[in-house]
Amino acid sequence: MNTTIRKIGNSEGLILPKELLDRVNLKAGDNVVVVQEGQELR
């Protein structure tokens, strides 16, 4: 899946499609872990 980093106020963020959030059982306000592997985020 590709998504675009967007400007959100003074920050930048990713918009995740609802279908993806439903598949991984996440909702607004949930914490996620982001890991950098080389030039990728996982």
N, C-alpha and C. Protein backbone atom coordinates (compact mmCIF):
# COMPACT_ATOMS: atom_id res chain seq x y z
N MET A 1 0.84 -1.17 0.00
CA MET A 1 0.00 0.00 0.00
C MET A 1 0.89 1.23 0.00
N ASN A 2 0.51 2.21 -0.78
CA ASN A 2 1.19 3.50 -0.78
C ASN A 2 0.26 4.55 -0.21
N THR A 3 0.82 5.47 0.53
CA THR A 3 0.08 6.62 1.03
C THR A 3 1.03 7.81 1.01
N THR A 4 0.49 9.00 1.11
CA THR A 4 1.29 10.21 1.00
C THR A 4 1.40 10.90 2.35
N ILE A 5 2.58 11.38 2.70
CA ILE A 5 2.75 12.18 3.91
C ILE A 5 2.09 13.53 3.65
N ARG A 6 1.22 13.94 4.57
CA ARG A 6 0.47 15.18 4.40
C ARG A 6 0.75 16.15 5.54
N LYS A 7 0.60 17.40 5.25
CA LYS A 7 0.73 18.45 6.26
C LYS A 7 -0.54 18.43 7.10
N ILE A 8 -0.38 18.36 8.42
CA ILE A 8 -1.50 18.38 9.36
C ILE A 8 -1.15 19.41 10.43
N GLY A 9 -1.68 20.61 10.29
CA GLY A 9 -1.30 21.70 11.19
C GLY A 9 0.17 22.01 11.01
N ASN A 10 0.94 22.03 12.11
CA ASN A 10 2.38 22.26 12.05
C ASN A 10 3.17 20.97 11.92
N SER A 11 2.47 19.84 11.81
CA SER A 11 3.11 18.53 11.74
C SER A 11 2.89 17.91 10.37
N GLU A 12 3.39 16.71 10.22
CA GLU A 12 3.15 15.92 9.02
C GLU A 12 2.71 14.53 9.47
N GLY A 13 1.86 13.89 8.68
CA GLY A 13 1.35 12.59 9.07
C GLY A 13 0.86 11.78 7.89
N LEU A 14 0.52 10.54 8.19
CA LEU A 14 -0.01 9.62 7.19
C LEU A 14 -1.49 9.41 7.43
N ILE A 15 -2.26 9.37 6.37
CA ILE A 15 -3.68 9.04 6.45
C ILE A 15 -3.80 7.56 6.08
N LEU A 16 -4.36 6.76 6.99
CA LEU A 16 -4.52 5.33 6.75
C LEU A 16 -5.98 5.05 6.39
N PRO A 17 -6.22 4.31 5.31
CA PRO A 17 -7.59 4.01 4.90
C PRO A 17 -8.35 3.21 5.97
N LYS A 18 -9.65 3.46 6.08
CA LYS A 18 -10.48 2.76 7.06
C LYS A 18 -10.40 1.25 6.89
N GLU A 19 -10.36 0.78 5.65
CA GLU A 19 -10.31 -0.68 5.42
C GLU A 19 -9.05 -1.29 6.05
N LEU A 20 -7.92 -0.59 6.01
CA LEU A 20 -6.69 -1.08 6.64
C LEU A 20 -6.83 -1.05 8.15
N LEU A 21 -7.35 0.05 8.69
CA LEU A 21 -7.53 0.15 10.14
C LEU A 21 -8.45 -0.95 10.65
N ASP A 22 -9.51 -1.24 9.90
CA ASP A 22 -10.43 -2.32 10.30
C ASP A 22 -9.71 -3.67 10.30
N ARG A 23 -8.88 -3.92 9.30
CA ARG A 23 -8.18 -5.22 9.20
C ARG A 23 -7.24 -5.45 10.37
N VAL A 24 -6.61 -4.37 10.87
CA VAL A 24 -5.65 -4.52 11.97
C VAL A 24 -6.23 -4.07 13.31
N ASN A 25 -7.56 -3.85 13.32
CA ASN A 25 -8.29 -3.52 14.55
C ASN A 25 -7.72 -2.28 15.25
N LEU A 26 -7.51 -1.20 14.50
CA LEU A 26 -7.03 0.06 15.07
C LEU A 26 -8.08 1.13 14.86
N LYS A 27 -8.05 2.14 15.74
CA LYS A 27 -8.95 3.28 15.62
C LYS A 27 -8.22 4.54 16.05
N ALA A 28 -8.83 5.69 15.80
CA ALA A 28 -8.24 6.97 16.18
C ALA A 28 -7.91 6.96 17.68
N GLY A 29 -6.72 7.42 18.02
CA GLY A 29 -6.29 7.47 19.41
C GLY A 29 -5.45 6.28 19.84
N ASP A 30 -5.46 5.18 19.07
CA ASP A 30 -4.63 4.02 19.39
C ASP A 30 -3.16 4.35 19.14
N ASN A 31 -2.28 3.77 19.94
CA ASN A 31 -0.84 3.92 19.73
C ASN A 31 -0.34 2.81 18.82
N VAL A 32 0.62 3.14 17.97
CA VAL A 32 1.26 2.15 17.11
C VAL A 32 2.77 2.30 17.26
N VAL A 33 3.49 1.24 16.98
CA VAL A 33 4.95 1.24 17.03
C VAL A 33 5.45 1.35 15.60
N VAL A 34 6.35 2.30 15.36
CA VAL A 34 6.96 2.48 14.04
C VAL A 34 8.44 2.16 14.18
N VAL A 35 8.94 1.28 13.31
CA VAL A 35 10.33 0.85 13.34
C VAL A 35 10.99 1.24 12.04
N GLN A 36 12.17 1.86 12.12
CA GLN A 36 12.93 2.20 10.92
C GLN A 36 13.86 1.05 10.58
N GLU A 37 13.79 0.58 9.33
CA GLU A 37 14.69 -0.45 8.82
C GLU A 37 15.31 0.10 7.55
N GLY A 38 16.53 0.60 7.64
CA GLY A 38 17.17 1.24 6.49
C GLY A 38 16.38 2.48 6.12
N GLN A 39 15.90 2.52 4.87
CA GLN A 39 15.12 3.66 4.39
C GLN A 39 13.61 3.42 4.50
N GLU A 40 13.20 2.38 5.22
CA GLU A 40 11.79 2.04 5.33
C GLU A 40 11.30 2.19 6.76
N LEU A 41 10.01 2.49 6.90
CA LEU A 41 9.34 2.48 8.19
C LEU A 41 8.41 1.28 8.20
N ARG A 42 8.41 0.54 9.29
CA ARG A 42 7.54 -0.63 9.42
C ARG A 42 6.78 -0.54 10.72
